[in-house]
Amino acid sequence: MSTQAITKENIASSVVPPIQVKAPWRVKAVEALDGYRLHVRFIDGLEGEVDMSEFVRAPDAGVFAMLADPDLFAQVYVELGAVTWPGELDLAPDAMHDEIKKNGVWRLK
């Protein structure tokens, strides 16, 4: 799996007036790692890992099953403080922040 970072324009800055994403649980940066994992950094400085390795292959993964394609998974980016993929897939940043704050990792199953 590619760990290449994808840069996408931050649409929050193109809104007039610009959207100020201030909630501490909003994501500031995300990087795709091998094994369907992500490294995330929140605007409050908290960092951790999201492990989606079981989730993307689960029978009940629903629309997230498409992320089993490593090339699509690697296209992750931050939009308005949320981890996002093409096709309007995103993860709840508040739940992610809470779990990483407790355990350092959020394992989706």
PDB file of N, CA and C in Angstrom:
ATOM      1  N   MET A   1       0.849  -1.172   0.000  1.00  0.00           N
ATOM      2  CA  MET A   1       0.000   0.000   0.000  1.00  0.00           C
ATOM      3  C   MET A   1       0.894   1.235   0.000  1.00  0.00           C
ATOM      4  N   SER A   2       0.516   2.199  -0.757  1.00  0.00           N
ATOM      5  CA  SER A   2       1.262   3.448  -0.849  1.00  0.00           C
ATOM      6  C   SER A   2       1.059   4.278   0.404  1.00  0.00           C
ATOM      7  N   THR A   3       2.135   4.914   0.862  1.00  0.00           N
ATOM      8  CA  THR A   3       2.020   5.830   1.990  1.00  0.00           C
ATOM      9  C   THR A   3       2.209   7.257   1.502  1.00  0.00           C
ATOM     10  N   GLN A   4       1.991   7.469   0.224  1.00  0.00           N
ATOM     11  CA  GLN A   4       2.150   8.781  -0.383  1.00  0.00           C
ATOM     12  C   GLN A   4       1.044   9.715   0.099  1.00  0.00           C
ATOM     13  N   ALA A   5       1.434  10.906   0.520  1.00  0.00           N
ATOM     14  CA  ALA A   5       0.455  11.886   0.995  1.00  0.00           C
ATOM     15  C   ALA A   5      -0.232  12.539  -0.199  1.00  0.00           C
ATOM     16  N   ILE A   6      -1.513  12.748  -0.068  1.00  0.00           N
ATOM     17  CA  ILE A   6      -2.296  13.432  -1.083  1.00  0.00           C
ATOM     18  C   ILE A   6      -2.624  14.817  -0.552  1.00  0.00           C
ATOM     19  N   THR A   7      -2.299  15.840  -1.310  1.00  0.00           N
ATOM     20  CA  THR A   7      -2.609  17.198  -0.908  1.00  0.00           C
ATOM     21  C   THR A   7      -3.853  17.646  -1.647  1.00  0.00           C
ATOM     22  N   LYS A   8      -4.789  18.184  -0.911  1.00  0.00           N
ATOM     23  CA  LYS A   8      -6.022  18.672  -1.492  1.00  0.00           C
ATOM     24  C   LYS A   8      -6.269  20.050  -0.913  1.00  0.00           C
ATOM     25  N   GLU A   9      -6.779  20.958  -1.729  1.00  0.00           N
ATOM     26  CA  GLU A   9      -7.043  22.311  -1.282  1.00  0.00           C
ATOM     27  C   GLU A   9      -7.998  22.295  -0.097  1.00  0.00           C
ATOM     28  N   ASN A  10      -7.689  23.102   0.922  1.00  0.00           N
ATOM     29  CA  ASN A  10      -8.532  23.227   2.092  1.00  0.00           C
ATOM     30  C   ASN A  10      -9.706  24.128   1.749  1.00  0.00           C
ATOM     31  N   ILE A  11     -10.898  23.532   1.576  1.00  0.00           N
ATOM     32  CA  ILE A  11     -12.046  24.337   1.152  1.00  0.00           C
ATOM     33  C   ILE A  11     -12.504  25.305   2.226  1.00  0.00           C
ATOM     34  N   ALA A  12     -12.138  25.062   3.472  1.00  0.00           N
ATOM     35  CA  ALA A  12     -12.535  25.974   4.545  1.00  0.00           C
ATOM     36  C   ALA A  12     -11.963  27.368   4.318  1.00  0.00           C
ATOM     37  N   SER A  13     -10.783  27.453   3.728  1.00  0.00           N
ATOM     38  CA  SER A  13     -10.152  28.753   3.507  1.00  0.00           C
ATOM     39  C   SER A  13     -10.746  29.489   2.314  1.00  0.00           C
ATOM     40  N   SER A  14     -11.500  28.795   1.456  1.00  0.00           N
ATOM     41  CA  SER A  14     -12.062  29.445   0.278  1.00  0.00           C
ATOM     42  C   SER A  14     -13.441  30.052   0.545  1.00  0.00           C
ATOM     43  N   VAL A  15     -14.014  29.761   1.696  1.00  0.00           N
ATOM     44  CA  VAL A  15     -15.305  30.322   2.069  1.00  0.00           C
ATOM     45  C   VAL A  15     -15.085  31.736   2.604  1.00  0.00           C
ATOM     46  N   VAL A  16     -15.983  32.654   2.249  1.00  0.00           N
ATOM     47  CA  VAL A  16     -15.850  34.035   2.716  1.00  0.00           C
ATOM     48  C   VAL A  16     -16.984  34.320   3.679  1.00  0.00           C
ATOM     49  N   PRO A  17     -16.719  34.711   4.914  1.00  0.00           N
ATOM     50  CA  PRO A  17     -15.408  34.682   5.553  1.00  0.00           C
ATOM     51  C   PRO A  17     -14.939  33.244   5.764  1.00  0.00           C
ATOM     52  N   PRO A  18     -13.608  33.038   5.854  1.00  0.00           N
ATOM     53  CA  PRO A  18     -13.080  31.680   6.006  1.00  0.00           C
ATOM     54  C   PRO A  18     -13.646  30.984   7.242  1.00  0.00           C
ATOM     55  N   ILE A  19     -13.902  29.697   7.120  1.00  0.00           N
ATOM     56  CA  ILE A  19     -14.376  28.901   8.245  1.00  0.00           C
ATOM     57  C   ILE A  19     -13.200  28.681   9.190  1.00  0.00           C
ATOM     58  N   GLN A  20     -13.404  28.981  10.447  1.00  0.00           N
ATOM     59  CA  GLN A  20     -12.377  28.767  11.466  1.00  0.00           C
ATOM     60  C   GLN A  20     -12.714  27.469  12.216  1.00  0.00           C
ATOM     61  N   VAL A  21     -11.967  26.414  11.929  1.00  0.00           N
ATOM     62  CA  VAL A  21     -12.187  25.130  12.583  1.00  0.00           C
ATOM     63  C   VAL A  21     -11.445  25.174  13.914  1.00  0.00           C
ATOM     64  N   LYS A  22     -12.204  25.237  15.032  1.00  0.00           N
ATOM     65  CA  LYS A  22     -11.595  25.457  16.336  1.00  0.00           C
ATOM     66  C   LYS A  22     -11.808  24.341  17.349  1.00  0.00           C
ATOM     67  N   ALA A  23     -12.777  23.472  17.143  1.00  0.00           N
ATOM     68  CA  ALA A  23     -13.034  22.413  18.117  1.00  0.00           C
ATOM     69  C   ALA A  23     -11.775  21.559  18.276  1.00  0.00           C
ATOM     70  N   PRO A  24     -11.380  21.228  19.508  1.00  0.00           N
ATOM     71  CA  PRO A  24     -10.125  20.492  19.726  1.00  0.00           C
ATOM     72  C   PRO A  24     -10.086  19.133  19.058  1.00  0.00           C
ATOM     73  N   TRP A  25     -11.255  18.546  18.786  1.00  0.00           N
ATOM     74  CA  TRP A  25     -11.309  17.214  18.189  1.00  0.00           C
ATOM     75  C   TRP A  25     -11.309  17.247  16.661  1.00  0.00           C
ATOM     76  N   ARG A  26     -11.148  18.410  16.076  1.00  0.00           N
ATOM     77  CA  ARG A  26     -11.051  18.492  14.613  1.00  0.00           C
ATOM     78  C   ARG A  26      -9.669  18.044  14.173  1.00  0.00           C
ATOM     79  N   VAL A  27      -9.614  17.337  13.067  1.00  0.00           N
ATOM     80  CA  VAL A  27      -8.351  16.802  12.542  1.00  0.00           C
ATOM     81  C   VAL A  27      -7.611  17.900  11.788  1.00  0.00           C
ATOM     82  N   LYS A  28      -6.321  17.985  12.052  1.00  0.00           N
ATOM     83  CA  LYS A  28      -5.460  18.953  11.367  1.00  0.00           C
ATOM     84  C   LYS A  28      -4.690  18.285  10.227  1.00  0.00           C
ATOM     85  N   ALA A  29      -4.276  17.040  10.435  1.00  0.00           N
ATOM     86  CA  ALA A  29      -3.482  16.336   9.419  1.00  0.00           C
ATOM     87  C   ALA A  29      -3.753  14.841   9.490  1.00  0.00           C
ATOM     88  N   VAL A  30      -3.660  14.188   8.338  1.00  0.00           N
ATOM     89  CA  VAL A  30      -3.835  12.740   8.263  1.00  0.00           C
ATOM     90  C   VAL A  30      -2.839  12.179   7.263  1.00  0.00           C
ATOM     91  N   GLU A  31      -2.344  10.995   7.560  1.00  0.00           N
ATOM     92  CA  GLU A  31      -1.416  10.302   6.662  1.00  0.00           C
ATOM     93  C   GLU A  31      -1.808   8.834   6.601  1.00  0.00           C
ATOM     94  N   ALA A  32      -1.925   8.306   5.393  1.00  0.00           N
ATOM     95  CA  ALA A  32      -2.212   6.885   5.208  1.00  0.00           C
ATOM     96  C   ALA A  32      -0.940   6.085   5.473  1.00  0.00           C
ATOM     97  N   LEU A  33      -1.074   5.029   6.263  1.00  0.00           N
ATOM     98  CA  LEU A  33       0.026   4.124   6.572  1.00  0.00           C
ATOM     99  C   LEU A  33      -0.284   2.755   5.975  1.00  0.00           C
ATOM    100  N   ASP A  34       0.706   1.888   5.939  1.00  0.00           N
ATOM    101  CA  ASP A  34       0.490   0.524   5.476  1.00  0.00           C
ATOM    102  C   ASP A  34      -0.517  -0.184   6.370  1.00  0.00           C
ATOM    103  N   GLY A  35      -1.185  -1.177   5.811  1.00  0.00           N
ATOM    104  CA  GLY A  35      -2.082  -2.015   6.594  1.00  0.00           C
ATOM    105  C   GLY A  35      -3.405  -1.354   6.943  1.00  0.00           C
ATOM    106  N   TYR A  36      -3.874  -0.445   6.102  1.00  0.00           N
ATOM    107  CA  TYR A  36      -5.158   0.235   6.315  1.00  0.00           C
ATOM    108  C   TYR A  36      -5.199   0.960   7.659  1.00  0.00           C
ATOM    109  N   ARG A  37      -4.101   1.651   7.927  1.00  0.00           N
ATOM    110  CA  ARG A  37      -3.999   2.454   9.139  1.00  0.00           C
ATOM    111  C   ARG A  37      -3.776   3.907   8.762  1.00  0.00           C
ATOM    112  N   LEU A  38      -4.126   4.793   9.670  1.00  0.00           N
ATOM    113  CA  LEU A  38      -3.932   6.228   9.478  1.00  0.00           C
ATOM    114  C   LEU A  38      -3.199   6.807  10.678  1.00  0.00           C
ATOM    115  N   HIS A  39      -2.384   7.791  10.426  1.00  0.00           N
ATOM    116  CA  HIS A  39      -1.831   8.602  11.508  1.00  0.00           C
ATOM    117  C   HIS A  39      -2.563   9.934  11.438  1.00  0.00           C
ATOM    118  N   VAL A  40      -3.151  10.354  12.570  1.00  0.00           N
ATOM    119  CA  VAL A  40      -3.908  11.606  12.601  1.00  0.00           C
ATOM    120  C   VAL A  40      -3.338  12.541  13.660  1.00  0.00           C
ATOM    121  N   ARG A  41      -3.453  13.838  13.371  1.00  0.00           N
ATOM    122  CA  ARG A  41      -3.078  14.877  14.333  1.00  0.00           C
ATOM    123  C   ARG A  41      -4.253  15.844  14.411  1.00  0.00           C
ATOM    124  N   PHE A  42      -4.675  16.127  15.630  1.00  0.00           N
ATOM    125  CA  PHE A  42      -5.799  17.018  15.866  1.00  0.00           C
ATOM    126  C   PHE A  42      -5.301  18.431  16.144  1.00  0.00           C
ATOM    127  N   ILE A  43      -6.196  19.407  16.066  1.00  0.00           N
ATOM    128  CA  ILE A  43      -5.759  20.791  16.248  1.00  0.00           C
ATOM    129  C   ILE A  43      -5.343  21.091  17.680  1.00  0.00           C
ATOM    130  N   ASP A  44      -5.710  20.225  18.641  1.00  0.00           N
ATOM    131  CA  ASP A  44      -5.238  20.425  20.016  1.00  0.00           C
ATOM    132  C   ASP A  44      -3.883  19.769  20.270  1.00  0.00           C
ATOM    133  N   GLY A  45      -3.282  19.181  19.221  1.00  0.00           N
ATOM    134  CA  GLY A  45      -1.955  18.575  19.332  1.00  0.00           C
ATOM    135  C   GLY A  45      -1.967  17.075  19.578  1.00  0.00           C
ATOM    136  N   LEU A  46      -3.100  16.509  19.946  1.00  0.00           N
ATOM    137  CA  LEU A  46      -3.194  15.066  20.159  1.00  0.00           C
ATOM    138  C   LEU A  46      -2.910  14.339  18.843  1.00  0.00           C
ATOM    139  N   GLU A  47      -2.113  13.265  18.927  1.00  0.00           N
ATOM    140  CA  GLU A  47      -1.807  12.445  17.756  1.00  0.00           C
ATOM    141  C   GLU A  47      -2.067  10.988  18.087  1.00  0.00           C
ATOM    142  N   GLY A  48      -2.379  10.217  17.067  1.00  0.00           N
ATOM    143  CA  GLY A  48      -2.591   8.798  17.276  1.00  0.00           C
ATOM    144  C   GLY A  48      -2.861   8.076  15.976  1.00  0.00           C
ATOM    145  N   GLU A  49      -3.317   6.841  16.120  1.00  0.00           N
ATOM    146  CA  GLU A  49      -3.512   5.972  14.970  1.00  0.00           C
ATOM    147  C   GLU A  49      -4.959   5.511  14.879  1.00  0.00           C
ATOM    148  N   VAL A  50      -5.422   5.377  13.653  1.00  0.00           N
ATOM    149  CA  VAL A  50      -6.722   4.778  13.361  1.00  0.00           C
ATOM    150  C   VAL A  50      -6.433   3.492  12.600  1.00  0.00           C
ATOM    151  N   ASP A  51      -6.878   2.371  13.138  1.00  0.00           N
ATOM    152  CA  ASP A  51      -6.661   1.070  12.513  1.00  0.00           C
ATOM    153  C   ASP A  51      -7.972   0.608  11.890  1.00  0.00           C
ATOM    154  N   MET A  52      -8.015   0.597  10.570  1.00  0.00           N
ATOM    155  CA  MET A  52      -9.218   0.198   9.842  1.00  0.00           C
ATOM    156  C   MET A  52      -9.047  -1.153   9.152  1.00  0.00           C
ATOM    157  N   SER A  53      -7.986  -1.889   9.491  1.00  0.00           N
ATOM    158  CA  SER A  53      -7.649  -3.124   8.780  1.00  0.00           C
ATOM    159  C   SER A  53      -8.755  -4.172   8.833  1.00  0.00           C
ATOM    160  N   GLU A  54      -9.416  -4.340   9.963  1.00  0.00           N
ATOM    161  CA  GLU A  54     -10.518  -5.299  10.051  1.00  0.00           C
ATOM    162  C   GLU A  54     -11.799  -4.721   9.448  1.00  0.00           C
ATOM    163  N   PHE A  55     -12.024  -3.461   9.679  1.00  0.00           N
ATOM    164  CA  PHE A  55     -13.269  -2.812   9.288  1.00  0.00           C
ATOM    165  C   PHE A  55     -13.505  -2.814   7.782  1.00  0.00           C
ATOM    166  N   VAL A  56     -12.476  -2.465   6.991  1.00  0.00           N
ATOM    167  CA  VAL A  56     -12.684  -2.362   5.539  1.00  0.00           C
ATOM    168  C   VAL A  56     -12.949  -3.717   4.885  1.00  0.00           C
ATOM    169  N   ARG A  57     -12.604  -4.786   5.578  1.00  0.00           N
ATOM    170  CA  ARG A  57     -12.826  -6.140   5.032  1.00  0.00           C
ATOM    171  C   ARG A  57     -14.012  -6.855   5.674  1.00  0.00           C
ATOM    172  N   ALA A  58     -14.668  -6.213   6.628  1.00  0.00           N
ATOM    173  CA  ALA A  58     -15.790  -6.838   7.333  1.00  0.00           C
ATOM    174  C   ALA A  58     -17.006  -6.959   6.426  1.00  0.00           C
ATOM    175  N   PRO A  59     -17.810  -8.011   6.599  1.00  0.00           N
ATOM    176  CA  PRO A  59     -19.008  -8.179   5.778  1.00  0.00           C
ATOM    177  C   PRO A  59     -20.000  -7.020   5.920  1.00  0.00           C
ATOM    178  N   ASP A  60     -19.977  -6.347   7.066  1.00  0.00           N
ATOM    179  CA  ASP A  60     -20.898  -5.234   7.299  1.00  0.00           C
ATOM    180  C   ASP A  60     -20.225  -3.864   7.139  1.00  0.00           C
ATOM    181  N   ALA A  61     -19.160  -3.797   6.356  1.00  0.00           N
ATOM    182  CA  ALA A  61     -18.438  -2.538   6.157  1.00  0.00           C
ATOM    183  C   ALA A  61     -19.244  -1.519   5.363  1.00  0.00           C
ATOM    184  N   GLY A  62     -20.235  -1.983   4.636  1.00  0.00           N
ATOM    185  CA  GLY A  62     -21.072  -1.067   3.856  1.00  0.00           C
ATOM    186  C   GLY A  62     -20.245  -0.279   2.851  1.00  0.00           C
ATOM    187  N   VAL A  63     -20.488   1.036   2.788  1.00  0.00           N
ATOM    188  CA  VAL A  63     -19.787   1.875   1.810  1.00  0.00           C
ATOM    189  C   VAL A  63     -18.287   1.927   2.077  1.00  0.00           C
ATOM    190  N   PHE A  64     -17.864   1.632   3.311  1.00  0.00           N
ATOM    191  CA  PHE A  64     -16.432   1.663   3.637  1.00  0.00           C
ATOM    192  C   PHE A  64     -15.675   0.479   3.040  1.00  0.00           C
ATOM    193  N   ALA A  65     -16.381  -0.533   2.522  1.00  0.00           N
ATOM    194  CA  ALA A  65     -15.725  -1.675   1.884  1.00  0.00           C
ATOM    195  C   ALA A  65     -14.893  -1.229   0.690  1.00  0.00           C
ATOM    196  N   MET A  66     -15.283  -0.137   0.052  1.00  0.00           N
ATOM    197  CA  MET A  66     -14.501   0.338  -1.100  1.00  0.00           C
ATOM    198  C   MET A  66     -13.100   0.788  -0.689  1.00  0.00           C
ATOM    199  N   LEU A  67     -12.892   1.077   0.601  1.00  0.00           N
ATOM    200  CA  LEU A  67     -11.566   1.484   1.066  1.00  0.00           C
ATOM    201  C   LEU A  67     -10.594   0.316   1.146  1.00  0.00           C
ATOM    202  N   ALA A  68     -11.064  -0.907   0.900  1.00  0.00           N
ATOM    203  CA  ALA A  68     -10.158  -2.051   0.823  1.00  0.00           C
ATOM    204  C   ALA A  68      -9.239  -1.944  -0.390  1.00  0.00           C
ATOM    205  N   ASP A  69      -9.576  -1.076  -1.321  1.00  0.00           N
ATOM    206  CA  ASP A  69      -8.689  -0.767  -2.453  1.00  0.00           C
ATOM    207  C   ASP A  69      -7.573   0.131  -1.914  1.00  0.00           C
ATOM    208  N   PRO A  70      -6.341  -0.365  -1.873  1.00  0.00           N
ATOM    209  CA  PRO A  70      -5.247   0.406  -1.284  1.00  0.00           C
ATOM    210  C   PRO A  70      -5.036   1.780  -1.936  1.00  0.00           C
ATOM    211  N   ASP A  71      -5.263   1.868  -3.238  1.00  0.00           N
ATOM    212  CA  ASP A  71      -5.079   3.150  -3.912  1.00  0.00           C
ATOM    213  C   ASP A  71      -6.122   4.167  -3.448  1.00  0.00           C
ATOM    214  N   LEU A  72      -7.342   3.735  -3.262  1.00  0.00           N
ATOM    215  CA  LEU A  72      -8.380   4.637  -2.766  1.00  0.00           C
ATOM    216  C   LEU A  72      -8.124   4.993  -1.305  1.00  0.00           C
ATOM    217  N   PHE A  73      -7.750   4.017  -0.498  1.00  0.00           N
ATOM    218  CA  PHE A  73      -7.461   4.284   0.914  1.00  0.00           C
ATOM    219  C   PHE A  73      -6.382   5.357   1.056  1.00  0.00           C
ATOM    220  N   ALA A  74      -5.371   5.308   0.193  1.00  0.00           N
ATOM    221  CA  ALA A  74      -4.254   6.262   0.247  1.00  0.00           C
ATOM    222  C   ALA A  74      -4.661   7.677  -0.152  1.00  0.00           C
ATOM    223  N   GLN A  75      -5.853   7.859  -0.710  1.00  0.00           N
ATOM    224  CA  GLN A  75      -6.313   9.184  -1.130  1.00  0.00           C
ATOM    225  C   GLN A  75      -6.963   9.972   0.008  1.00  0.00           C
ATOM    226  N   VAL A  76      -6.760   9.549   1.232  1.00  0.00           N
ATOM    227  CA  VAL A  76      -7.328  10.210   2.407  1.00  0.00           C
ATOM    228  C   VAL A  76      -6.848  11.661   2.503  1.00  0.00           C
ATOM    229  N   TYR A  77      -7.718  12.527   2.976  1.00  0.00           N
ATOM    230  CA  TYR A  77      -7.370  13.940   3.173  1.00  0.00           C
ATOM    231  C   TYR A  77      -8.255  14.509   4.287  1.00  0.00           C
ATOM    232  N   VAL A  78      -7.945  15.713   4.721  1.00  0.00           N
ATOM    233  CA  VAL A  78      -8.735  16.400   5.743  1.00  0.00           C
ATOM    234  C   VAL A  78      -9.620  17.429   5.065  1.00  0.00           C
ATOM    235  N   GLU A  79     -10.913  17.394   5.407  1.00  0.00           N
ATOM    236  CA  GLU A  79     -11.846  18.397   4.901  1.00  0.00           C
ATOM    237  C   GLU A  79     -12.702  18.867   6.075  1.00  0.00           C
ATOM    238  N   LEU A  80     -12.642  20.154   6.331  1.00  0.00           N
ATOM    239  CA  LEU A  80     -13.402  20.758   7.427  1.00  0.00           C
ATOM    240  C   LEU A  80     -13.191  20.014   8.749  1.00  0.00           C
ATOM    241  N   GLY A  81     -11.951  19.592   8.989  1.00  0.00           N
ATOM    242  CA  GLY A  81     -11.593  18.962  10.257  1.00  0.00           C
ATOM    243  C   GLY A  81     -11.961  17.504  10.379  1.00  0.00           C
ATOM    244  N   ALA A  82     -12.331  16.850   9.274  1.00  0.00           N
ATOM    245  CA  ALA A  82     -12.685  15.431   9.301  1.00  0.00           C
ATOM    246  C   ALA A  82     -11.818  14.653   8.317  1.00  0.00           C
ATOM    247  N   VAL A  83     -11.503  13.413   8.682  1.00  0.00           N
ATOM    248  CA  VAL A  83     -10.795  12.499   7.786  1.00  0.00           C
ATOM    249  C   VAL A  83     -11.780  12.093   6.694  1.00  0.00           C
ATOM    250  N   THR A  84     -11.376  12.291   5.436  1.00  0.00           N
ATOM    251  CA  THR A  84     -12.300  12.139   4.312  1.00  0.00           C
ATOM    252  C   THR A  84     -11.623  11.407   3.154  1.00  0.00           C
ATOM    253  N   TRP A  85     -12.451  10.718   2.355  1.00  0.00           N
ATOM    254  CA  TRP A  85     -12.004  10.082   1.115  1.00  0.00           C
ATOM    255  C   TRP A  85     -12.923  10.513  -0.015  1.00  0.00           C
ATOM    256  N   PRO A  86     -12.464  10.352  -1.257  1.00  0.00           N
ATOM    257  CA  PRO A  86     -13.359  10.598  -2.390  1.00  0.00           C
ATOM    258  C   PRO A  86     -14.629   9.753  -2.256  1.00  0.00           C
ATOM    259  N   GLY A  87     -15.727  10.285  -2.738  1.00  0.00           N
ATOM    260  CA  GLY A  87     -16.997   9.591  -2.619  1.00  0.00           C
ATOM    261  C   GLY A  87     -17.753   9.980  -1.364  1.00  0.00           C
ATOM    262  N   GLU A  88     -17.310  11.061  -0.732  1.00  0.00           N
ATOM    263  CA  GLU A  88     -17.964  11.605   0.465  1.00  0.00           C
ATOM    264  C   GLU A  88     -17.949  10.639   1.650  1.00  0.00           C
ATOM    265  N   LEU A  89     -16.909   9.845   1.754  1.00  0.00           N
ATOM    266  CA  LEU A  89     -16.718   8.981   2.921  1.00  0.00           C
ATOM    267  C   LEU A  89     -15.934   9.753   3.962  1.00  0.00           C
ATOM    268  N   ASP A  90     -16.373   9.714   5.216  1.00  0.00           N
ATOM    269  CA  ASP A  90     -15.609  10.368   6.273  1.00  0.00           C
ATOM    270  C   ASP A  90     -15.820   9.651   7.592  1.00  0.00           C
ATOM    271  N   LEU A  91     -14.955   9.976   8.542  1.00  0.00           N
ATOM    272  CA  LEU A  91     -15.010   9.398   9.878  1.00  0.00           C
ATOM    273  C   LEU A  91     -15.364  10.491  10.883  1.00  0.00           C
ATOM    274  N   ALA A  92     -16.045  10.125  11.946  1.00  0.00           N
ATOM    275  CA  ALA A  92     -16.435  11.074  12.982  1.00  0.00           C
ATOM    276  C   ALA A  92     -15.205  11.505  13.784  1.00  0.00           C
ATOM    277  N   PRO A  93     -14.792  12.765  13.648  1.00  0.00           N
ATOM    278  CA  PRO A  93     -13.570  13.196  14.330  1.00  0.00           C
ATOM    279  C   PRO A  93     -13.701  13.236  15.852  1.00  0.00           C
ATOM    280  N   ASP A  94     -14.896  13.480  16.382  1.00  0.00           N
ATOM    281  CA  ASP A  94     -15.051  13.544  17.837  1.00  0.00           C
ATOM    282  C   ASP A  94     -14.888  12.161  18.475  1.00  0.00           C
ATOM    283  N   ALA A  95     -15.480  11.134  17.864  1.00  0.00           N
ATOM    284  CA  ALA A  95     -15.319   9.765  18.371  1.00  0.00           C
ATOM    285  C   ALA A  95     -13.868   9.310  18.243  1.00  0.00           C
ATOM    286  N   MET A  96     -13.238   9.667  17.135  1.00  0.00           N
ATOM    287  CA  MET A  96     -11.836   9.334  16.899  1.00  0.00           C
ATOM    288  C   MET A  96     -10.955   9.966  17.989  1.00  0.00           C
ATOM    289  N   HIS A  97     -11.171  11.248  18.260  1.00  0.00           N
ATOM    290  CA  HIS A  97     -10.391  11.974  19.259  1.00  0.00           C
ATOM    291  C   HIS A  97     -10.556  11.332  20.635  1.00  0.00           C
ATOM    292  N   ASP A  98     -11.792  11.032  21.019  1.00  0.00           N
ATOM    293  CA  ASP A  98     -12.046  10.433  22.334  1.00  0.00           C
ATOM    294  C   ASP A  98     -11.306   9.110  22.502  1.00  0.00           C
ATOM    295  N   GLU A  99     -11.382   8.252  21.498  1.00  0.00           N
ATOM    296  CA  GLU A  99     -10.754   6.931  21.596  1.00  0.00           C
ATOM    297  C   GLU A  99      -9.223   7.038  21.578  1.00  0.00           C
ATOM    298  N   ILE A 100      -8.679   7.907  20.755  1.00  0.00           N
ATOM    299  CA  ILE A 100      -7.222   8.071  20.707  1.00  0.00           C
ATOM    300  C   ILE A 100      -6.720   8.693  22.010  1.00  0.00           C
ATOM    301  N   LYS A 101      -7.486   9.596  22.573  1.00  0.00           N
ATOM    302  CA  LYS A 101      -7.089  10.200  23.857  1.00  0.00           C
ATOM    303  C   LYS A 101      -7.030   9.133  24.954  1.00  0.00           C
ATOM    304  N   LYS A 102      -7.959   8.179  24.929  1.00  0.00           N
ATOM    305  CA  LYS A 102      -7.982   7.104  25.936  1.00  0.00           C
ATOM    306  C   LYS A 102      -6.927   6.035  25.692  1.00  0.00           C
ATOM    307  N   ASN A 103      -6.778   5.620  24.412  1.00  0.00           N
ATOM    308  CA  ASN A 103      -5.982   4.427  24.106  1.00  0.00           C
ATOM    309  C   ASN A 103      -4.823   4.632  23.140  1.00  0.00           C
ATOM    310  N   GLY A 104      -4.726   5.816  22.537  1.00  0.00           N
ATOM    311  CA  GLY A 104      -3.675   6.061  21.555  1.00  0.00           C
ATOM    312  C   GLY A 104      -3.979   5.519  20.174  1.00  0.00           C
ATOM    313  N   VAL A 105      -5.025   4.703  20.090  1.00  0.00           N
ATOM    314  CA  VAL A 105      -5.417   4.120  18.812  1.00  0.00           C
ATOM    315  C   VAL A 105      -6.936   3.936  18.796  1.00  0.00           C
ATOM    316  N   TRP A 106      -7.518   4.105  17.606  1.00  0.00           N
ATOM    317  CA  TRP A 106      -8.944   3.837  17.414  1.00  0.00           C
ATOM    318  C   TRP A 106      -9.039   2.686  16.438  1.00  0.00           C
ATOM    319  N   ARG A 107      -9.521   1.541  16.913  1.00  0.00           N
ATOM    320  CA  ARG A 107      -9.670   0.348  16.064  1.00  0.00           C
ATOM    321  C   ARG A 107     -11.130   0.221  15.661  1.00  0.00           C
ATOM    322  N   LEU A 108     -11.365   0.350  14.378  1.00  0.00           N
ATOM    323  CA  LEU A 108     -12.731   0.189  13.854  1.00  0.00           C
ATOM    324  C   LEU A 108     -12.936  -1.266  13.504  1.00  0.00           C
ATOM    325  N   LYS A 109     -14.063  -1.806  13.906  1.00  0.00           N
ATOM    326  CA  LYS A 109     -14.351  -3.232  13.641  1.00  0.00           C
ATOM    327  C   LYS A 109     -15.718  -3.368  13.044  1.00  0.00           C
TER     328      LYS A 109
END
